[in-house]
C-alpha atoms as a PDB file:
ATOM      1  CA  MET A   1      39.186  -7.805  14.238  1.00  0.00           C
ATOM      2  CA  ASN A   2      42.786  -7.609  15.333  1.00  0.00           C
ATOM      3  CA  GLY A   3      43.649  -4.400  13.488  1.00  0.00           C
ATOM      4  CA  LYS A   4      42.039  -5.558  10.273  1.00  0.00           C
ATOM      5  CA  THR A   5      39.049  -3.828   8.805  1.00  0.00           C
ATOM      6  CA  ILE A   6      36.018  -5.643   7.466  1.00  0.00           C
ATOM      7  CA  PHE A   7      37.322  -4.693   4.016  1.00  0.00           C
ATOM      8  CA  ASP A   8      40.625  -6.488   4.737  1.00  0.00           C
ATOM      9  CA  VAL A   9      38.719  -9.560   5.911  1.00  0.00           C
ATOM     10  CA  ARG A  10      36.476  -9.471   2.841  1.00  0.00           C
ATOM     11  CA  ASP A  11      39.480  -9.363   0.516  1.00  0.00           C
ATOM     12  CA  ASN A  12      41.473 -12.149   2.221  1.00  0.00           C
ATOM     13  CA  ILE A  13      39.906 -15.492   1.314  1.00  0.00           C
ATOM     14  CA  GLN A  14      41.138 -17.308   4.439  1.00  0.00           C
ATOM     15  CA  ASN A  15      39.923 -14.607   6.849  1.00  0.00           C
ATOM     16  CA  ARG A  16      36.691 -14.244   4.905  1.00  0.00           C
ATOM     17  CA  GLU A  17      35.920 -17.967   5.112  1.00  0.00           C
ATOM     18  CA  TYR A  18      36.741 -18.010   8.817  1.00  0.00           C
ATOM     19  CA  LEU A  19      34.371 -15.082   9.452  1.00  0.00           C
ATOM     20  CA  LEU A  20      31.577 -16.634   7.385  1.00  0.00           C
ATOM     21  CA  ASP A  21      32.037 -20.033   9.041  1.00  0.00           C
ATOM     22  CA  THR A  22      31.912 -18.402  12.469  1.00  0.00           C
ATOM     23  CA  LEU A  23      28.734 -16.439  11.720  1.00  0.00           C
ATOM     24  CA  CYS A  24      27.070 -19.482  10.139  1.00  0.00           C
ATOM     25  CA  ASN A  25      27.962 -21.815  13.010  1.00  0.00           C
ATOM     26  CA  ASN A  26      25.003 -20.948  15.236  1.00  0.00           C
ATOM     27  CA  PRO A  27      21.861 -23.100  15.274  1.00  0.00           C
ATOM     28  CA  GLY A  28      19.376 -21.825  12.735  1.00  0.00           C
ATOM     29  CA  PHE A  29      22.061 -20.059  10.734  1.00  0.00           C
ATOM     30  CA  LYS A  30      23.658 -23.182   9.281  1.00  0.00           C
ATOM     31  CA  ASN A  31      22.103 -22.881   5.853  1.00  0.00           C
ATOM     32  CA  SER A  32      23.190 -21.781   2.422  1.00  0.00           C
ATOM     33  CA  ASP A  33      20.604 -18.970   2.239  1.00  0.00           C
ATOM     34  CA  PHE A  34      22.149 -17.214   5.230  1.00  0.00           C
ATOM     35  CA  ARG A  35      25.689 -17.720   3.966  1.00  0.00           C
ATOM     36  CA  ASP A  36      24.660 -16.448   0.520  1.00  0.00           C
ATOM     37  CA  LEU A  37      23.140 -13.384   2.179  1.00  0.00           C
ATOM     38  CA  LEU A  38      26.377 -12.606   4.025  1.00  0.00           C
ATOM     39  CA  GLU A  39      28.424 -13.114   0.873  1.00  0.00           C
ATOM     40  CA  TYR A  40      26.077 -10.801  -1.030  1.00  0.00           C
ATOM     41  CA  VAL A  41      26.526  -8.097   1.611  1.00  0.00           C
ATOM     42  CA  LEU A  42      30.309  -8.535   1.620  1.00  0.00           C
ATOM     43  CA  ASP A  43      30.648  -8.588  -2.162  1.00  0.00           C
ATOM     44  CA  ASP A  44      27.991  -6.163  -3.321  1.00  0.00           C
ATOM     45  CA  LYS A  45      26.911  -3.927  -0.452  1.00  0.00           C
ATOM     46  CA  LEU A  46      29.779  -3.459   1.971  1.00  0.00           C
ATOM     47  CA  ASP A  47      31.126  -0.382   0.197  1.00  0.00           C
ATOM     48  CA  LEU A  48      27.835   1.395   0.948  1.00  0.00           C
ATOM     49  CA  PHE A  49      28.847   1.389   4.621  1.00  0.00           C
ATOM     50  CA  LYS A  50      32.285   2.990   4.181  1.00  0.00           C
ATOM     51  CA  ASP A  51      31.025   6.334   5.487  1.00  0.00           C
ATOM     52  CA  PHE A  52      30.298   4.677   8.833  1.00  0.00           C
ATOM     53  CA  ASP A  53      33.919   3.748   9.525  1.00  0.00           C
ATOM     54  CA  GLY A  54      34.774   4.361  13.171  1.00  0.00           C
ATOM     55  CA  PRO A  55      32.919   4.188  16.464  1.00  0.00           C
ATOM     56  CA  PHE A  56      29.742   6.099  17.182  1.00  0.00           C
ATOM     57  CA  TYR A  57      31.041   6.814  20.662  1.00  0.00           C
ATOM     58  CA  GLU A  58      34.613   7.211  21.896  1.00  0.00           C
ATOM     59  CA  GLY A  59      36.196   3.980  23.066  1.00  0.00           C
ATOM     60  CA  GLU A  60      33.607   1.686  21.475  1.00  0.00           C
ATOM     61  CA  ASP A  61      33.793  -0.758  18.567  1.00  0.00           C
ATOM     62  CA  ASN A  62      34.138   0.393  15.005  1.00  0.00           C
ATOM     63  CA  MET A  63      30.665   0.375  13.526  1.00  0.00           C
ATOM     64  CA  LEU A  64      31.909  -1.431  10.420  1.00  0.00           C
ATOM     65  CA  ASP A  65      32.900  -4.394  12.610  1.00  0.00           C
ATOM     66  CA  LEU A  66      29.258  -4.681  13.638  1.00  0.00           C
ATOM     67  CA  ILE A  67      27.668  -4.693  10.164  1.00  0.00           C
ATOM     68  CA  LEU A  68      27.628  -8.473   9.694  1.00  0.00           C
ATOM     69  CA  PRO A  69      26.488  -9.150  13.281  1.00  0.00           C
ATOM     70  CA  THR A  70      23.695  -6.620  12.632  1.00  0.00           C
ATOM     71  CA  ILE A  71      22.710  -8.492   9.459  1.00  0.00           C
ATOM     72  CA  THR A  72      22.829 -11.723  11.477  1.00  0.00           C
ATOM     73  CA  ARG A  73      20.521 -10.209  14.104  1.00  0.00           C
ATOM     74  CA  LEU A  74      18.121  -9.058  11.393  1.00  0.00           C
ATOM     75  CA  TYR A  75      18.072 -12.483   9.735  1.00  0.00           C
ATOM     76  CA  GLY A  76      17.458 -14.166  13.078  1.00  0.00           C
ATOM     77  CA  LYS A  77      14.500 -11.922  13.864  1.00  0.00           C
ATOM     78  CA  PHE A  78      12.934 -12.739  10.517  1.00  0.00           C
ATOM     79  CA  PHE A  79      13.600 -16.476  10.320  1.00  0.00           C
ATOM     80  CA  ILE A  80      14.731 -17.878  13.694  1.00  0.00           C
ATOM     81  CA  THR A  81      12.634 -15.925  16.202  1.00  0.00           C
ATOM     82  CA  PRO A  82       9.989 -14.048  14.205  1.00  0.00           C
ATOM     83  CA  PRO A  83       7.222 -12.168  16.018  1.00  0.00           C
ATOM     84  CA  THR A  84       5.026 -14.715  17.777  1.00  0.00           C
ATOM     85  CA  MET A  85       1.834 -12.789  17.029  1.00  0.00           C
ATOM     86  CA  LEU A  86       2.138 -13.712  13.358  1.00  0.00           C
ATOM     87  CA  LYS A  87       0.659 -17.088  12.476  1.00  0.00           C
ATOM     88  CA  ASN A  88       0.170 -19.146   9.332  1.00  0.00           C
ATOM     89  CA  ARG A  89      -0.107 -17.010   6.187  1.00  0.00           C
ATOM     90  CA  LYS A  90       0.882 -13.775   7.931  1.00  0.00           C
ATOM     91  CA  LEU A  91       4.030 -15.418   9.260  1.00  0.00           C
ATOM     92  CA  GLU A  92       4.754 -16.748   5.788  1.00  0.00           C
ATOM     93  CA  LEU A  93       4.253 -13.273   4.318  1.00  0.00           C
ATOM     94  CA  PHE A  94       6.489 -11.731   6.991  1.00  0.00           C
ATOM     95  CA  LYS A  95       9.322 -14.109   6.126  1.00  0.00           C
ATOM     96  CA  LEU A  96       8.778 -13.674   2.406  1.00  0.00           C
ATOM     97  CA  SER A  97       8.990  -9.901   2.814  1.00  0.00           C
ATOM     98  CA  PHE A  98      12.620 -10.116   3.997  1.00  0.00           C
ATOM     99  CA  ASP A  99      14.578  -7.760   1.752  1.00  0.00           C
ATOM    100  CA  ILE A 100      18.194  -7.080   2.631  1.00  0.00           C
ATOM    101  CA  ASP A 101      18.446  -4.239   0.110  1.00  0.00           C
ATOM    102  CA  ASP A 102      15.497  -2.470   1.706  1.00  0.00           C
ATOM    103  CA  PHE A 103      17.083  -2.881   5.146  1.00  0.00           C
ATOM    104  CA  ILE A 104      20.413  -1.516   3.933  1.00  0.00           C
ATOM    105  CA  ASP A 105      18.678   1.517   2.407  1.00  0.00           C
ATOM    106  CA  TYR A 106      16.823   2.049   5.692  1.00  0.00           C
ATOM    107  CA  PHE A 107      20.050   1.616   7.670  1.00  0.00           C
ATOM    108  CA  ILE A 108      21.996   4.123   5.571  1.00  0.00           C
ATOM    109  CA  ASP A 109      19.159   6.625   5.893  1.00  0.00           C
ATOM    110  CA  ILE A 110      18.501   6.265   9.646  1.00  0.00           C
ATOM    111  CA  ILE A 111      22.022   5.998  11.094  1.00  0.00           C
ATOM    112  CA  PRO A 112      23.064   9.632  10.495  1.00  0.00           C
ATOM    113  CA  LYS A 113      19.804  10.770  12.087  1.00  0.00           C
ATOM    114  CA  ILE A 114      20.239   8.757  15.298  1.00  0.00           C
ATOM    115  CA  LYS A 115      24.017   8.360  15.526  1.00  0.00           C
ATOM    116  CA  ASN A 116      24.531  10.048  18.900  1.00  0.00           C
ATOM    117  CA  SER A 117      21.065   9.522  20.352  1.00  0.00           C
ATOM    118  CA  LEU A 118      22.365   7.387  23.255  1.00  0.00           C
ATOM    119  CA  GLU A 119      25.155   9.791  24.196  1.00  0.00           C
ATOM    120  CA  LEU A 120      23.998  10.240  27.788  1.00  0.00           C
ATOM    121  CA  LEU A 121      23.700   6.494  28.427  1.00  0.00           C
ATOM    122  CA  ASP A 122      27.412   6.077  29.015  1.00  0.00           C
ATOM    123  CA  ASN A 123      27.188   2.754  30.894  1.00  0.00           C
ATOM    124  CA  LEU A 124      25.905   0.875  27.847  1.00  0.00           C
ATOM    125  CA  ASP A 125      27.625  -0.408  24.742  1.00  0.00           C
ATOM    126  CA  ARG A 126      25.919   2.426  22.893  1.00  0.00           C
ATOM    127  CA  THR A 127      27.044   1.541  19.371  1.00  0.00           C
ATOM    128  CA  ASN A 128      25.762  -2.015  19.711  1.00  0.00           C
ATOM    129  CA  GLU A 129      22.559  -0.823  21.397  1.00  0.00           C
ATOM    130  CA  THR A 130      21.962   1.686  18.606  1.00  0.00           C
ATOM    131  CA  LEU A 131      22.320  -1.034  15.988  1.00  0.00           C
ATOM    132  CA  THR A 132      19.991  -3.300  17.971  1.00  0.00           C
ATOM    133  CA  LEU A 133      17.378  -0.535  18.051  1.00  0.00           C
ATOM    134  CA  VAL A 134      17.739  -0.003  14.299  1.00  0.00           C
ATOM    135  CA  VAL A 135      17.078  -3.696  13.655  1.00  0.00           C
ATOM    136  CA  ASP A 136      14.179  -3.783  16.132  1.00  0.00           C
ATOM    137  CA  ASN A 137      12.581  -0.720  14.568  1.00  0.00           C
ATOM    138  CA  TYR A 138      12.899  -2.189  11.082  1.00  0.00           C
ATOM    139  CA  ILE A 139      11.392  -5.488  12.269  1.00  0.00           C
ATOM    140  CA  ALA A 140       8.533  -3.561  13.898  1.00  0.00           C
ATOM    141  CA  LYS A 141       7.899  -1.693  10.641  1.00  0.00           C
ATOM    142  CA  CYS A 142       7.712  -4.972   8.705  1.00  0.00           C
ATOM    143  CA  PHE A 143       5.602  -6.584  11.426  1.00  0.00           C
ATOM    144  CA  HIS A 144       3.048  -3.763  11.417  1.00  0.00           C
ATOM    145  CA  HIS A 145       2.797  -3.855   7.651  1.00  0.00           C
ATOM    146  CA  VAL A 146       2.046  -7.595   7.634  1.00  0.00           C
ATOM    147  CA  TYR A 147      -0.074  -7.635  10.803  1.00  0.00           C
ATOM    148  CA  ASN A 148      -2.337  -4.879   9.495  1.00  0.00           C
ATOM    149  CA  CYS A 149      -2.547  -6.301   5.979  1.00  0.00           C
ATOM    150  CA  GLU A 150      -6.148  -6.893   4.967  1.00  0.00           C
ATOM    151  CA  ASP A 151      -5.593  -8.457   1.537  1.00  0.00           C
ATOM    152  CA  LEU A 152      -2.958 -11.139   2.078  1.00  0.00           C
ATOM    153  CA  GLU A 153      -3.198 -12.590  -1.415  1.00  0.00           C
ATOM    154  CA  GLN A 154      -2.610  -9.193  -3.013  1.00  0.00           C
ATOM    155  CA  GLU A 155       0.338  -8.556  -0.706  1.00  0.00           C
ATOM    156  CA  PHE A 156       1.824 -11.979  -1.526  1.00  0.00           C
ATOM    157  CA  ARG A 157       1.579 -11.088  -5.210  1.00  0.00           C
ATOM    158  CA  ASN A 158       3.199  -7.703  -4.586  1.00  0.00           C
ATOM    159  CA  VAL A 159       6.112  -9.167  -2.639  1.00  0.00           C
ATOM    160  CA  LYS A 160       6.712 -11.934  -5.178  1.00  0.00           C
ATOM    161  CA  LEU A 161       6.556  -9.460  -8.046  1.00  0.00           C
ATOM    162  CA  LYS A 162       9.029  -7.158  -6.293  1.00  0.00           C
ATOM    163  CA  LYS A 163      11.447 -10.067  -5.882  1.00  0.00           C
ATOM    164  CA  LEU A 164      11.101 -11.013  -9.553  1.00  0.00           C
ATOM    165  CA  VAL A 165      11.811  -7.481 -10.719  1.00  0.00           C
ATOM    166  CA  LYS A 166      15.083  -7.287  -8.710  1.00  0.00           C
END
């Protein structure tokens, strides 16, 4: 980000708008829900990631620079290219179960445990690959929960109630 941190970008309205416009400019991401999600992360959740400042591996990108692209990847896997094995009501439940706060809690918990797990794979962009694996694992967790759900109506009620309580 040209020497600027994600915190600098967040706090500068012109840079912030440019970043948001850029992330929201891809097909499928040009909607107010996605932009609102990014703004929520920037305004209310970004400080939770401050302990992850710096690269996972020497010479790679600062992990903080990859937070919003990671959120974008997560959003895309829920709403743009969800698992094809989910159909009809299960697909609807999968999308409804999207919870950015739950993902952030998962992320903050899992990253310290797996931070250097790709150390020996020195020909990859290991930081980016680690974040991709985190998103994929979270998606798989949500997929399995919905795919194996036997009482869809009860689960719909549970998810809707959880969203109301927030």
